[in-house]
Amino acid sequence: GQWAFPGGFLKMNETASEGARRELWEETFLKTEAIRELGTFT
């Protein structure tokens, strides 16, 4: 019920950018190739 950024778990057969674009499409039906890596949060 809370708000968050689109995202999800990375699959074993995809890169991080591929996983990000896939999750973005699955959760919002939005496609974009122009994504840039922001950083890693640990």
Full PDB file with SEQRES, HELIX, SHEET, SSBOND, CRYST1, ORIGX, SCALE, CONECT and MASTER records, all heavy atoms in Angstrom:
SEQRES   1 A   42  GLY GLN TRP ALA PHE PRO GLY GLY PHE LEU LYS MET ASN          
SEQRES   2 A   42  GLU THR ALA SER GLU GLY ALA ARG ARG GLU LEU TRP GLU          
SEQRES   3 A   42  GLU THR PHE LEU LYS THR GLU ALA ILE ARG GLU LEU GLY          
SEQRES   4 A   42  THR PHE THR                                                  
HELIX    1 AA1 ALA A   16  THR A   28  1                                  13    
CRYST1    1.000    1.000    1.000  90.00  90.00  90.00 P 1           1          
ORIGX1      1.000000  0.000000  0.000000        0.00000                         
ORIGX2      0.000000  1.000000  0.000000        0.00000                         
ORIGX3      0.000000  0.000000  1.000000        0.00000                         
SCALE1      1.000000  0.000000  0.000000        0.00000                         
SCALE2      0.000000  1.000000  0.000000        0.00000                         
SCALE3      0.000000  0.000000  1.000000        0.00000                         
ATOM      1  N   GLY A   1       0.787  -1.221   0.000  1.00  0.00           N  
ATOM      2  CA  GLY A   1       0.000   0.000   0.000  1.00  0.00           C  
ATOM      3  C   GLY A   1       0.821   1.274   0.000  1.00  0.00           C  
ATOM      4  O   GLY A   1       0.272   2.361  -0.214  1.00  0.00           O  
ATOM      5  N   GLN A   2       2.138   1.178   0.241  1.00  0.00           N  
ATOM      6  CA  GLN A   2       2.981   2.368   0.228  1.00  0.00           C  
ATOM      7  C   GLN A   2       3.562   2.587  -1.164  1.00  0.00           C  
ATOM      8  O   GLN A   2       3.584   1.688  -2.007  1.00  0.00           O  
ATOM      9  CB  GLN A   2       4.103   2.238   1.262  1.00  0.00           C  
ATOM     10  CG  GLN A   2       3.635   2.388   2.706  1.00  0.00           C  
ATOM     11  CD  GLN A   2       4.793   2.502   3.666  1.00  0.00           C  
ATOM     12  OE1 GLN A   2       4.891   1.763   4.649  1.00  0.00           O  
ATOM     13  NE2 GLN A   2       5.694   3.432   3.398  1.00  0.00           N  
ATOM     14  N   TRP A   3       4.052   3.803  -1.374  1.00  0.00           N  
ATOM     15  CA  TRP A   3       4.607   4.180  -2.668  1.00  0.00           C  
ATOM     16  C   TRP A   3       6.110   3.918  -2.696  1.00  0.00           C  
ATOM     17  O   TRP A   3       6.795   4.050  -1.678  1.00  0.00           O  
ATOM     18  CB  TRP A   3       4.325   5.638  -2.964  1.00  0.00           C  
ATOM     19  CG  TRP A   3       2.869   5.913  -3.182  1.00  0.00           C  
ATOM     20  CD1 TRP A   3       1.958   6.307  -2.251  1.00  0.00           C  
ATOM     21  CD2 TRP A   3       2.151   5.792  -4.414  1.00  0.00           C  
ATOM     22  NE1 TRP A   3       0.712   6.434  -2.818  1.00  0.00           N  
ATOM     23  CE2 TRP A   3       0.797   6.134  -4.148  1.00  0.00           C  
ATOM     24  CE3 TRP A   3       2.500   5.430  -5.715  1.00  0.00           C  
ATOM     25  CZ2 TRP A   3      -0.177   6.125  -5.141  1.00  0.00           C  
ATOM     26  CZ3 TRP A   3       1.530   5.432  -6.705  1.00  0.00           C  
ATOM     27  CH2 TRP A   3       0.216   5.765  -6.415  1.00  0.00           C  
ATOM     28  N   ALA A   4       6.595   3.544  -3.869  1.00  0.00           N  
ATOM     29  CA  ALA A   4       8.013   3.235  -4.042  1.00  0.00           C  
ATOM     30  C   ALA A   4       8.385   3.463  -5.497  1.00  0.00           C  
ATOM     31  O   ALA A   4       7.520   3.697  -6.351  1.00  0.00           O  
ATOM     32  CB  ALA A   4       8.301   1.788  -3.644  1.00  0.00           C  
ATOM     33  N   PHE A   5       9.669   3.377  -5.791  1.00  0.00           N  
ATOM     34  CA  PHE A   5      10.107   3.451  -7.177  1.00  0.00           C  
ATOM     35  C   PHE A   5       9.873   2.110  -7.862  1.00  0.00           C  
ATOM     36  O   PHE A   5       9.948   1.063  -7.220  1.00  0.00           O  
ATOM     37  CB  PHE A   5      11.585   3.828  -7.263  1.00  0.00           C  
ATOM     38  CG  PHE A   5      11.868   5.230  -6.803  1.00  0.00           C  
ATOM     39  CD1 PHE A   5      12.777   5.477  -5.786  1.00  0.00           C  
ATOM     40  CD2 PHE A   5      11.234   6.304  -7.401  1.00  0.00           C  
ATOM     41  CE1 PHE A   5      13.032   6.762  -5.364  1.00  0.00           C  
ATOM     42  CE2 PHE A   5      11.483   7.601  -6.981  1.00  0.00           C  
ATOM     43  CZ  PHE A   5      12.384   7.826  -5.965  1.00  0.00           C  
ATOM     44  N   PRO A   6       9.600   2.125  -9.157  1.00  0.00           N  
ATOM     45  CA  PRO A   6       9.465   0.851  -9.878  1.00  0.00           C  
ATOM     46  C   PRO A   6      10.762   0.060  -9.781  1.00  0.00           C  
ATOM     47  O   PRO A   6      11.848   0.609  -9.931  1.00  0.00           O  
ATOM     48  CB  PRO A   6       9.194   1.284 -11.325  1.00  0.00           C  
ATOM     49  CG  PRO A   6       8.744   2.708 -11.228  1.00  0.00           C  
ATOM     50  CD  PRO A   6       9.416   3.286 -10.030  1.00  0.00           C  
ATOM     51  N   GLY A   7      10.642  -1.234  -9.543  1.00  0.00           N  
ATOM     52  CA  GLY A   7      11.841  -2.058  -9.437  1.00  0.00           C  
ATOM     53  C   GLY A   7      11.511  -3.453  -8.962  1.00  0.00           C  
ATOM     54  O   GLY A   7      10.353  -3.779  -8.693  1.00  0.00           O  
ATOM     55  N   GLY A   8      12.535  -4.270  -8.863  1.00  0.00           N  
ATOM     56  CA  GLY A   8      12.324  -5.640  -8.407  1.00  0.00           C  
ATOM     57  C   GLY A   8      13.598  -6.444  -8.477  1.00  0.00           C  
ATOM     58  O   GLY A   8      14.684  -5.917  -8.768  1.00  0.00           O  
ATOM     59  N   PHE A   9      13.487  -7.737  -8.224  1.00  0.00           N  
ATOM     60  CA  PHE A   9      14.645  -8.608  -8.147  1.00  0.00           C  
ATOM     61  C   PHE A   9      15.223  -8.889  -9.527  1.00  0.00           C  
ATOM     62  O   PHE A   9      14.496  -9.092 -10.506  1.00  0.00           O  
ATOM     63  CB  PHE A   9      14.271  -9.917  -7.453  1.00  0.00           C  
ATOM     64  CG  PHE A   9      14.071  -9.760  -5.974  1.00  0.00           C  
ATOM     65  CD1 PHE A   9      12.804  -9.523  -5.457  1.00  0.00           C  
ATOM     66  CD2 PHE A   9      15.139  -9.824  -5.099  1.00  0.00           C  
ATOM     67  CE1 PHE A   9      12.619  -9.360  -4.094  1.00  0.00           C  
ATOM     68  CE2 PHE A   9      14.958  -9.659  -3.731  1.00  0.00           C  
ATOM     69  CZ  PHE A   9      13.694  -9.427  -3.231  1.00  0.00           C  
ATOM     70  N   LEU A  10      16.543  -8.912  -9.578  1.00  0.00           N  
ATOM     71  CA  LEU A  10      17.274  -9.157 -10.809  1.00  0.00           C  
ATOM     72  C   LEU A  10      17.291 -10.656 -11.108  1.00  0.00           C  
ATOM     73  O   LEU A  10      17.501 -11.480 -10.216  1.00  0.00           O  
ATOM     74  CB  LEU A  10      18.706  -8.635 -10.656  1.00  0.00           C  
ATOM     75  CG  LEU A  10      19.579  -8.542 -11.892  1.00  0.00           C  
ATOM     76  CD1 LEU A  10      18.990  -7.551 -12.886  1.00  0.00           C  
ATOM     77  CD2 LEU A  10      20.986  -8.109 -11.489  1.00  0.00           C  
ATOM     78  N   LYS A  11      17.068 -10.993 -12.376  1.00  0.00           N  
ATOM     79  CA  LYS A  11      17.121 -12.392 -12.793  1.00  0.00           C  
ATOM     80  C   LYS A  11      18.563 -12.794 -13.108  1.00  0.00           C  
ATOM     81  O   LYS A  11      19.410 -11.959 -13.401  1.00  0.00           O  
ATOM     82  CB  LYS A  11      16.228 -12.604 -14.011  1.00  0.00           C  
ATOM     83  CG  LYS A  11      14.751 -12.407 -13.729  1.00  0.00           C  
ATOM     84  CD  LYS A  11      13.911 -12.674 -14.975  1.00  0.00           C  
ATOM     85  CE  LYS A  11      12.417 -12.526 -14.680  1.00  0.00           C  
ATOM     86  NZ  LYS A  11      11.583 -12.784 -15.893  1.00  0.00           N  
ATOM     87  N   MET A  12      18.815 -14.092 -13.065  1.00  0.00           N  
ATOM     88  CA  MET A  12      20.170 -14.598 -13.252  1.00  0.00           C  
ATOM     89  C   MET A  12      20.691 -14.375 -14.668  1.00  0.00           C  
ATOM     90  O   MET A  12      21.902 -14.352 -14.887  1.00  0.00           O  
ATOM     91  CB  MET A  12      20.220 -16.094 -12.915  1.00  0.00           C  
ATOM     92  CG  MET A  12      19.875 -16.415 -11.471  1.00  0.00           C  
ATOM     93  SD  MET A  12      21.066 -15.733 -10.289  1.00  0.00           S  
ATOM     94  CE  MET A  12      22.480 -16.793 -10.594  1.00  0.00           C  
ATOM     95  N   ASN A  13      19.797 -14.230 -15.628  1.00  0.00           N  
ATOM     96  CA  ASN A  13      20.222 -14.156 -17.031  1.00  0.00           C  
ATOM     97  C   ASN A  13      20.147 -12.746 -17.608  1.00  0.00           C  
ATOM     98  O   ASN A  13      20.078 -12.578 -18.832  1.00  0.00           O  
ATOM     99  CB  ASN A  13      19.378 -15.106 -17.886  1.00  0.00           C  
ATOM    100  CG  ASN A  13      17.904 -14.726 -17.889  1.00  0.00           C  
ATOM    101  OD1 ASN A  13      17.469 -13.931 -17.064  1.00  0.00           O  
ATOM    102  ND2 ASN A  13      17.142 -15.291 -18.814  1.00  0.00           N  
ATOM    103  N   GLU A  14      20.142 -11.704 -16.775  1.00  0.00           N  
ATOM    104  CA  GLU A  14      20.050 -10.342 -17.292  1.00  0.00           C  
ATOM    105  C   GLU A  14      21.016  -9.416 -16.569  1.00  0.00           C  
ATOM    106  O   GLU A  14      21.390  -9.645 -15.419  1.00  0.00           O  
ATOM    107  CB  GLU A  14      18.617  -9.812 -17.160  1.00  0.00           C  
ATOM    108  CG  GLU A  14      18.093  -9.722 -15.752  1.00  0.00           C  
ATOM    109  CD  GLU A  14      16.614  -9.356 -15.689  1.00  0.00           C  
ATOM    110  OE1 GLU A  14      15.971  -9.195 -16.741  1.00  0.00           O  
ATOM    111  OE2 GLU A  14      16.098  -9.266 -14.557  1.00  0.00           O  
ATOM    112  N   THR A  15      21.416  -8.373 -17.275  1.00  0.00           N  
ATOM    113  CA  THR A  15      22.246  -7.353 -16.659  1.00  0.00           C  
ATOM    114  C   THR A  15      21.365  -6.458 -15.791  1.00  0.00           C  
ATOM    115  O   THR A  15      20.131  -6.513 -15.856  1.00  0.00           O  
ATOM    116  CB  THR A  15      22.943  -6.496 -17.726  1.00  0.00           C  
ATOM    117  OG1 THR A  15      21.933  -5.767 -18.458  1.00  0.00           O  
ATOM    118  CG2 THR A  15      23.740  -7.362 -18.699  1.00  0.00           C  
ATOM    119  N   ALA A  16      22.009  -5.601 -15.007  1.00  0.00           N  
ATOM    120  CA  ALA A  16      21.243  -4.715 -14.131  1.00  0.00           C  
ATOM    121  C   ALA A  16      20.365  -3.767 -14.938  1.00  0.00           C  
ATOM    122  O   ALA A  16      19.194  -3.546 -14.597  1.00  0.00           O  
ATOM    123  CB  ALA A  16      22.187  -3.934 -13.223  1.00  0.00           C  
ATOM    124  N   SER A  17      20.899  -3.204 -16.020  1.00  0.00           N  
ATOM    125  CA  SER A  17      20.092  -2.270 -16.829  1.00  0.00           C  
ATOM    126  C   SER A  17      18.945  -2.999 -17.516  1.00  0.00           C  
ATOM    127  O   SER A  17      17.841  -2.449 -17.640  1.00  0.00           O  
ATOM    128  CB  SER A  17      20.969  -1.549 -17.854  1.00  0.00           C  
ATOM    129  OG  SER A  17      21.567  -2.465 -18.749  1.00  0.00           O  
ATOM    130  N   GLU A  18      19.173  -4.223 -17.945  1.00  0.00           N  
ATOM    131  CA  GLU A  18      18.095  -5.006 -18.551  1.00  0.00           C  
ATOM    132  C   GLU A  18      17.000  -5.281 -17.519  1.00  0.00           C  
ATOM    133  O   GLU A  18      15.804  -5.178 -17.811  1.00  0.00           O  
ATOM    134  CB  GLU A  18      18.637  -6.325 -19.102  1.00  0.00           C  
ATOM    135  CG  GLU A  18      19.508  -6.161 -20.339  1.00  0.00           C  
ATOM    136  CD  GLU A  18      20.225  -7.442 -20.727  1.00  0.00           C  
ATOM    137  OE1 GLU A  18      20.275  -8.381 -19.904  1.00  0.00           O  
ATOM    138  OE2 GLU A  18      20.752  -7.498 -21.856  1.00  0.00           O  
ATOM    139  N   GLY A  19      17.416  -5.641 -16.302  1.00  0.00           N  
ATOM    140  CA  GLY A  19      16.445  -5.896 -15.243  1.00  0.00           C  
ATOM    141  C   GLY A  19      15.666  -4.652 -14.873  1.00  0.00           C  
ATOM    142  O   GLY A  19      14.461  -4.708 -14.612  1.00  0.00           O  
ATOM    143  N   ALA A  20      16.344  -3.502 -14.859  1.00  0.00           N  
ATOM    144  CA  ALA A  20      15.666  -2.248 -14.528  1.00  0.00           C  
ATOM    145  C   ALA A  20      14.608  -1.907 -15.573  1.00  0.00           C  
ATOM    146  O   ALA A  20      13.478  -1.539 -15.234  1.00  0.00           O  
ATOM    147  CB  ALA A  20      16.694  -1.123 -14.423  1.00  0.00           C  
ATOM    148  N   ARG A  21      14.961  -2.041 -16.846  1.00  0.00           N  
ATOM    149  CA  ARG A  21      14.000  -1.742 -17.903  1.00  0.00           C  
ATOM    150  C   ARG A  21      12.827  -2.728 -17.891  1.00  0.00           C  
ATOM    151  O   ARG A  21      11.679  -2.341 -18.129  1.00  0.00           O  
ATOM    152  CB  ARG A  21      14.688  -1.738 -19.265  1.00  0.00           C  
ATOM    153  CG  ARG A  21      15.615  -0.551 -19.480  1.00  0.00           C  
ATOM    154  CD  ARG A  21      16.028  -0.430 -20.933  1.00  0.00           C  
ATOM    155  NE  ARG A  21      16.873  -1.559 -21.326  1.00  0.00           N  
ATOM    156  CZ  ARG A  21      18.198  -1.542 -21.275  1.00  0.00           C  
ATOM    157  NH1 ARG A  21      18.831  -0.463 -20.833  1.00  0.00           N  
ATOM    158  NH2 ARG A  21      18.893  -2.577 -21.660  1.00  0.00           N  
ATOM    159  N   ARG A  22      13.125  -4.001 -17.605  1.00  0.00           N  
ATOM    160  CA  ARG A  22      12.052  -4.995 -17.539  1.00  0.00           C  
ATOM    161  C   ARG A  22      11.084  -4.680 -16.413  1.00  0.00           C  
ATOM    162  O   ARG A  22       9.855  -4.687 -16.602  1.00  0.00           O  
ATOM    163  CB  ARG A  22      12.649  -6.395 -17.337  1.00  0.00           C  
ATOM    164  CG  ARG A  22      11.585  -7.481 -17.082  1.00  0.00           C  
ATOM    165  CD  ARG A  22      12.204  -8.829 -16.806  1.00  0.00           C  
ATOM    166  NE  ARG A  22      13.151  -8.795 -15.701  1.00  0.00           N  
ATOM    167  CZ  ARG A  22      12.809  -8.767 -14.408  1.00  0.00           C  
ATOM    168  NH1 ARG A  22      11.519  -8.734 -14.050  1.00  0.00           N  
ATOM    169  NH2 ARG A  22      13.733  -8.750 -13.467  1.00  0.00           N  
ATOM    170  N   GLU A  23      11.608  -4.396 -15.229  1.00  0.00           N  
ATOM    171  CA  GLU A  23      10.741  -4.088 -14.095  1.00  0.00           C  
ATOM    172  C   GLU A  23       9.936  -2.813 -14.345  1.00  0.00           C  
ATOM    173  O   GLU A  23       8.766  -2.720 -13.969  1.00  0.00           O  
ATOM    174  CB  GLU A  23      11.577  -3.943 -12.819  1.00  0.00           C  
ATOM    175  CG  GLU A  23      12.102  -5.254 -12.255  1.00  0.00           C  
ATOM    176  CD  GLU A  23      10.997  -6.080 -11.601  1.00  0.00           C  
ATOM    177  OE1 GLU A  23       9.890  -5.547 -11.386  1.00  0.00           O  
ATOM    178  OE2 GLU A  23      11.248  -7.258 -11.302  1.00  0.00           O  
ATOM    179  N   LEU A  24      10.558  -1.834 -14.974  1.00  0.00           N  
ATOM    180  CA  LEU A  24       9.854  -0.586 -15.282  1.00  0.00           C  
ATOM    181  C   LEU A  24       8.662  -0.873 -16.187  1.00  0.00           C  
ATOM    182  O   LEU A  24       7.558  -0.340 -15.970  1.00  0.00           O  
ATOM    183  CB  LEU A  24      10.811   0.394 -15.949  1.00  0.00           C  
ATOM    184  CG  LEU A  24      10.232   1.751 -16.353  1.00  0.00           C  
ATOM    185  CD1 LEU A  24       9.768   2.529 -15.131  1.00  0.00           C  
ATOM    186  CD2 LEU A  24      11.272   2.560 -17.146  1.00  0.00           C  
ATOM    187  N   TRP A  25       8.859  -1.705 -17.187  1.00  0.00           N  
ATOM    188  CA  TRP A  25       7.769  -2.043 -18.106  1.00  0.00           C  
ATOM    189  C   TRP A  25       6.691  -2.867 -17.391  1.00  0.00           C  
ATOM    190  O   TRP A  25       5.502  -2.602 -17.540  1.00  0.00           O  
ATOM    191  CB  TRP A  25       8.319  -2.807 -19.303  1.00  0.00           C  
ATOM    192  CG  TRP A  25       7.254  -3.457 -20.139  1.00  0.00           C  
ATOM    193  CD1 TRP A  25       6.952  -4.786 -20.222  1.00  0.00           C  
ATOM    194  CD2 TRP A  25       6.309  -2.788 -20.984  1.00  0.00           C  
ATOM    195  NE1 TRP A  25       5.906  -5.000 -21.080  1.00  0.00           N  
ATOM    196  CE2 TRP A  25       5.487  -3.791 -21.565  1.00  0.00           C  
ATOM    197  CE3 TRP A  25       6.091  -1.457 -21.326  1.00  0.00           C  
ATOM    198  CZ2 TRP A  25       4.452  -3.487 -22.449  1.00  0.00           C  
ATOM    199  CZ3 TRP A  25       5.066  -1.152 -22.203  1.00  0.00           C  
ATOM    200  CH2 TRP A  25       4.259  -2.157 -22.755  1.00  0.00           C  
ATOM    201  N   GLU A  26       7.107  -3.857 -16.612  1.00  0.00           N  
ATOM    202  CA  GLU A  26       6.137  -4.730 -15.962  1.00  0.00           C  
ATOM    203  C   GLU A  26       5.266  -3.980 -14.956  1.00  0.00           C  
ATOM    204  O   GLU A  26       4.088  -4.301 -14.791  1.00  0.00           O  
ATOM    205  CB  GLU A  26       6.857  -5.883 -15.260  1.00  0.00           C  
ATOM    206  CG  GLU A  26       7.489  -6.898 -16.208  1.00  0.00           C  
ATOM    207  CD  GLU A  26       8.267  -7.987 -15.487  1.00  0.00           C  
ATOM    208  OE1 GLU A  26       8.405  -7.911 -14.239  1.00  0.00           O  
ATOM    209  OE2 GLU A  26       8.731  -8.913 -16.164  1.00  0.00           O  
ATOM    210  N   GLU A  27       5.824  -2.987 -14.293  1.00  0.00           N  
ATOM    211  CA  GLU A  27       5.084  -2.310 -13.232  1.00  0.00           C  
ATOM    212  C   GLU A  27       4.395  -1.024 -13.677  1.00  0.00           C  
ATOM    213  O   GLU A  27       3.495  -0.547 -12.979  1.00  0.00           O  
ATOM    214  CB  GLU A  27       6.017  -2.006 -12.058  1.00  0.00           C  
ATOM    215  CG  GLU A  27       6.513  -3.271 -11.365  1.00  0.00           C  
ATOM    216  CD  GLU A  27       7.212  -2.999 -10.049  1.00  0.00           C  
ATOM    217  OE1 GLU A  27       7.576  -1.823  -9.798  1.00  0.00           O  
ATOM    218  OE2 GLU A  27       7.397  -3.943  -9.273  1.00  0.00           O  
ATOM    219  N   THR A  28       4.797  -0.461 -14.818  1.00  0.00           N  
ATOM    220  CA  THR A  28       4.209   0.821 -15.235  1.00  0.00           C  
ATOM    221  C   THR A  28       3.831   0.866 -16.708  1.00  0.00           C  
ATOM    222  O   THR A  28       3.225   1.834 -17.147  1.00  0.00           O  
ATOM    223  CB  THR A  28       5.176   1.988 -14.970  1.00  0.00           C  
ATOM    224  OG1 THR A  28       6.294   1.891 -15.853  1.00  0.00           O  
ATOM    225  CG2 THR A  28       5.668   1.973 -13.522  1.00  0.00           C  
ATOM    226  N   PHE A  29       4.222  -0.131 -17.490  1.00  0.00           N  
ATOM    227  CA  PHE A  29       4.021  -0.155 -18.942  1.00  0.00           C  
ATOM    228  C   PHE A  29       4.708   1.034 -19.614  1.00  0.00           C  
ATOM    229  O   PHE A  29       4.224   1.569 -20.613  1.00  0.00           O  
ATOM    230  CB  PHE A  29       2.531  -0.201 -19.299  1.00  0.00           C  
ATOM    231  CG  PHE A  29       1.865  -1.483 -18.870  1.00  0.00           C  
ATOM    232  CD1 PHE A  29       1.163  -1.540 -17.676  1.00  0.00           C  
ATOM    233  CD2 PHE A  29       1.977  -2.631 -19.633  1.00  0.00           C  
ATOM    234  CE1 PHE A  29       0.564  -2.729 -17.260  1.00  0.00           C  
ATOM    235  CE2 PHE A  29       1.386  -3.824 -19.225  1.00  0.00           C  
ATOM    236  CZ  PHE A  29       0.677  -3.874 -18.042  1.00  0.00           C  
ATOM    237  N   LEU A  30       5.840   1.410 -19.053  1.00  0.00           N  
ATOM    238  CA  LEU A  30       6.635   2.496 -19.609  1.00  0.00           C  
ATOM    239  C   LEU A  30       7.951   1.926 -20.116  1.00  0.00           C  
ATOM    240  O   LEU A  30       8.613   1.157 -19.410  1.00  0.00           O  
ATOM    241  CB  LEU A  30       6.909   3.558 -18.538  1.00  0.00           C  
ATOM    242  CG  LEU A  30       7.624   4.831 -18.975  1.00  0.00           C  
ATOM    243  CD1 LEU A  30       6.757   5.641 -19.928  1.00  0.00           C  
ATOM    244  CD2 LEU A  30       7.987   5.673 -17.761  1.00  0.00           C  
ATOM    245  N   LYS A  31       8.332   2.301 -21.340  1.00  0.00           N  
ATOM    246  CA  LYS A  31       9.586   1.847 -21.918  1.00  0.00           C  
ATOM    247  C   LYS A  31      10.513   3.024 -22.157  1.00  0.00           C  
ATOM    248  O   LYS A  31      10.088   4.067 -22.644  1.00  0.00           O  
ATOM    249  CB  LYS A  31       9.346   1.120 -23.247  1.00  0.00           C  
ATOM    250  CG  LYS A  31       8.813  -0.290 -23.108  1.00  0.00           C  
ATOM    251  CD  LYS A  31       8.756  -0.987 -24.463  1.00  0.00           C  
ATOM    252  CE  LYS A  31       8.293  -2.436 -24.315  1.00  0.00           C  
ATOM    253  NZ  LYS A  31       8.257  -3.142 -25.628  1.00  0.00           N  
ATOM    254  N   THR A  32      11.779   2.846 -21.825  1.00  0.00           N  
ATOM    255  CA  THR A  32      12.799   3.831 -22.149  1.00  0.00           C  
ATOM    256  C   THR A  32      14.148   3.152 -22.185  1.00  0.00           C  
ATOM    257  O   THR A  32      14.442   2.287 -21.357  1.00  0.00           O  
ATOM    258  CB  THR A  32      12.823   5.004 -21.147  1.00  0.00           C  
ATOM    259  OG1 THR A  32      13.865   5.915 -21.528  1.00  0.00           O  
ATOM    260  CG2 THR A  32      13.088   4.524 -19.729  1.00  0.00           C  
ATOM    261  N   GLU A  33      14.940   3.511 -23.156  1.00  0.00           N  
ATOM    262  CA  GLU A  33      16.303   2.995 -23.255  1.00  0.00           C  
ATOM    263  C   GLU A  33      17.298   3.945 -22.605  1.00  0.00           C  
ATOM    264  O   GLU A  33      18.453   3.583 -22.378  1.00  0.00           O  
ATOM    265  CB  GLU A  33      16.674   2.786 -24.734  1.00  0.00           C  
ATOM    266  CG  GLU A  33      15.830   1.736 -25.446  1.00  0.00           C  
ATOM    267  CD  GLU A  33      16.000   0.350 -24.845  1.00  0.00           C  
ATOM    268  OE1 GLU A  33      17.136  -0.007 -24.475  1.00  0.00           O  
ATOM    269  OE2 GLU A  33      14.992  -0.376 -24.738  1.00  0.00           O  
ATOM    270  N   ALA A  34      16.842   5.153 -22.301  1.00  0.00           N  
ATOM    271  CA  ALA A  34      17.751   6.205 -21.839  1.00  0.00           C  
ATOM    272  C   ALA A  34      17.907   6.208 -20.323  1.00  0.00           C  
ATOM    273  O   ALA A  34      17.727   7.228 -19.667  1.00  0.00           O  
ATOM    274  CB  ALA A  34      17.261   7.563 -22.318  1.00  0.00           C  
ATOM    275  N   ILE A  35      18.205   5.053 -19.735  1.00  0.00           N  
ATOM    276  CA  ILE A  35      18.425   5.012 -18.292  1.00  0.00           C  
ATOM    277  C   ILE A  35      19.921   5.037 -17.996  1.00  0.00           C  
ATOM    278  O   ILE A  35      20.722   4.470 -18.740  1.00  0.00           O  
ATOM    279  CB  ILE A  35      17.753   3.791 -17.634  1.00  0.00           C  
ATOM    280  CG1 ILE A  35      18.324   2.482 -18.169  1.00  0.00           C  
ATOM    281  CG2 ILE A  35      16.244   3.841 -17.815  1.00  0.00           C  
ATOM    282  CD1 ILE A  35      17.846   1.265 -17.405  1.00  0.00           C  
ATOM    283  N   ARG A  36      20.270   5.704 -16.926  1.00  0.00           N  
ATOM    284  CA  ARG A  36      21.665   5.809 -16.502  1.00  0.00           C  
ATOM    285  C   ARG A  36      21.799   5.247 -15.089  1.00  0.00           C  
ATOM    286  O   ARG A  36      20.900   5.416 -14.269  1.00  0.00           O  
ATOM    287  CB  ARG A  36      22.122   7.272 -16.499  1.00  0.00           C  
ATOM    288  CG  ARG A  36      21.940   7.998 -17.809  1.00  0.00           C  
ATOM    289  CD  ARG A  36      22.422   9.423 -17.681  1.00  0.00           C  
ATOM    290  NE  ARG A  36      22.249  10.184 -18.898  1.00  0.00           N  
ATOM    291  CZ  ARG A  36      22.735  11.408 -19.077  1.00  0.00           C  
ATOM    292  NH1 ARG A  36      23.423  11.994 -18.120  1.00  0.00           N  
ATOM    293  NH2 ARG A  36      22.539  12.040 -20.226  1.00  0.00           N  
ATOM    294  N   GLU A  37      22.915   4.626 -14.829  1.00  0.00           N  
ATOM    295  CA  GLU A  37      23.123   4.079 -13.489  1.00  0.00           C  
ATOM    296  C   GLU A  37      23.341   5.214 -12.502  1.00  0.00           C  
ATOM    297  O   GLU A  37      24.176   6.100 -12.718  1.00  0.00           O  
ATOM    298  CB  GLU A  37      24.313   3.127 -13.481  1.00  0.00           C  
ATOM    299  CG  GLU A  37      24.460   2.364 -12.175  1.00  0.00           C  
ATOM    300  CD  GLU A  37      25.468   1.247 -12.250  1.00  0.00           C  
ATOM    301  OE1 GLU A  37      25.613   0.643 -13.340  1.00  0.00           O  
ATOM    302  OE2 GLU A  37      26.118   0.970 -11.223  1.00  0.00           O  
ATOM    303  N   LEU A  38      22.596   5.186 -11.430  1.00  0.00           N  
ATOM    304  CA  LEU A  38      22.671   6.220 -10.402  1.00  0.00           C  
ATOM    305  C   LEU A  38      23.635   5.834  -9.291  1.00  0.00           C  
ATOM    306  O   LEU A  38      24.436   6.647  -8.827  1.00  0.00           O  
ATOM    307  CB  LEU A  38      21.276   6.469  -9.817  1.00  0.00           C  
ATOM    308  CG  LEU A  38      21.182   7.408  -8.616  1.00  0.00           C  
ATOM    309  CD1 LEU A  38      21.622   8.819  -9.006  1.00  0.00           C  
ATOM    310  CD2 LEU A  38      19.749   7.428  -8.073  1.00  0.00           C  
ATOM    311  N   GLY A  39      23.551   4.590  -8.832  1.00  0.00           N  
ATOM    312  CA  GLY A  39      24.421   4.149  -7.757  1.00  0.00           C  
ATOM    313  C   GLY A  39      23.915   2.860  -7.132  1.00  0.00           C  
ATOM    314  O   GLY A  39      22.830   2.370  -7.456  1.00  0.00           O  
ATOM    315  N   THR A  40      24.708   2.323  -6.226  1.00  0.00           N  
ATOM    316  CA  THR A  40      24.370   1.088  -5.519  1.00  0.00           C  
ATOM    317  C   THR A  40      24.108   1.417  -4.054  1.00  0.00           C  
ATOM    318  O   THR A  40      24.878   2.150  -3.427  1.00  0.00           O  
ATOM    319  CB  THR A  40      25.514   0.066  -5.630  1.00  0.00           C  
ATOM    320  OG1 THR A  40      25.784  -0.178  -7.023  1.00  0.00           O  
ATOM    321  CG2 THR A  40      25.135  -1.244  -4.961  1.00  0.00           C  
ATOM    322  N   PHE A  41      23.043   0.859  -3.508  1.00  0.00           N  
ATOM    323  CA  PHE A  41      22.626   1.158  -2.140  1.00  0.00           C  
ATOM    324  C   PHE A  41      22.664  -0.146  -1.332  1.00  0.00           C  
ATOM    325  O   PHE A  41      21.995  -1.122  -1.689  1.00  0.00           O  
ATOM    326  CB  PHE A  41      21.237   1.788  -2.142  1.00  0.00           C  
ATOM    327  CG  PHE A  41      21.224   3.125  -2.843  1.00  0.00           C  
ATOM    328  CD1 PHE A  41      21.156   3.194  -4.231  1.00  0.00           C  
ATOM    329  CD2 PHE A  41      21.328   4.298  -2.109  1.00  0.00           C  
ATOM    330  CE1 PHE A  41      21.177   4.423  -4.883  1.00  0.00           C  
ATOM    331  CE2 PHE A  41      21.357   5.528  -2.758  1.00  0.00           C  
ATOM    332  CZ  PHE A  41      21.275   5.591  -4.140  1.00  0.00           C  
ATOM    333  N   THR A  42      23.466  -0.123  -0.259  1.00  0.00           N  
ATOM    334  CA  THR A  42      23.824  -1.385   0.401  1.00  0.00           C  
ATOM    335  C   THR A  42      23.585  -1.386   1.907  1.00  0.00           C  
ATOM    336  O   THR A  42      24.155  -2.220   2.622  1.00  0.00           O  
ATOM    337  CB  THR A  42      25.307  -1.707   0.135  1.00  0.00           C  
ATOM    338  OG1 THR A  42      26.124  -0.677   0.718  1.00  0.00           O  
ATOM    339  CG2 THR A  42      25.594  -1.803  -1.346  1.00  0.00           C  
TER     340      THR A  42                                                      
MASTER        0    0    0    1    0    0    0    6  339    1    0    4          
END                                                                             
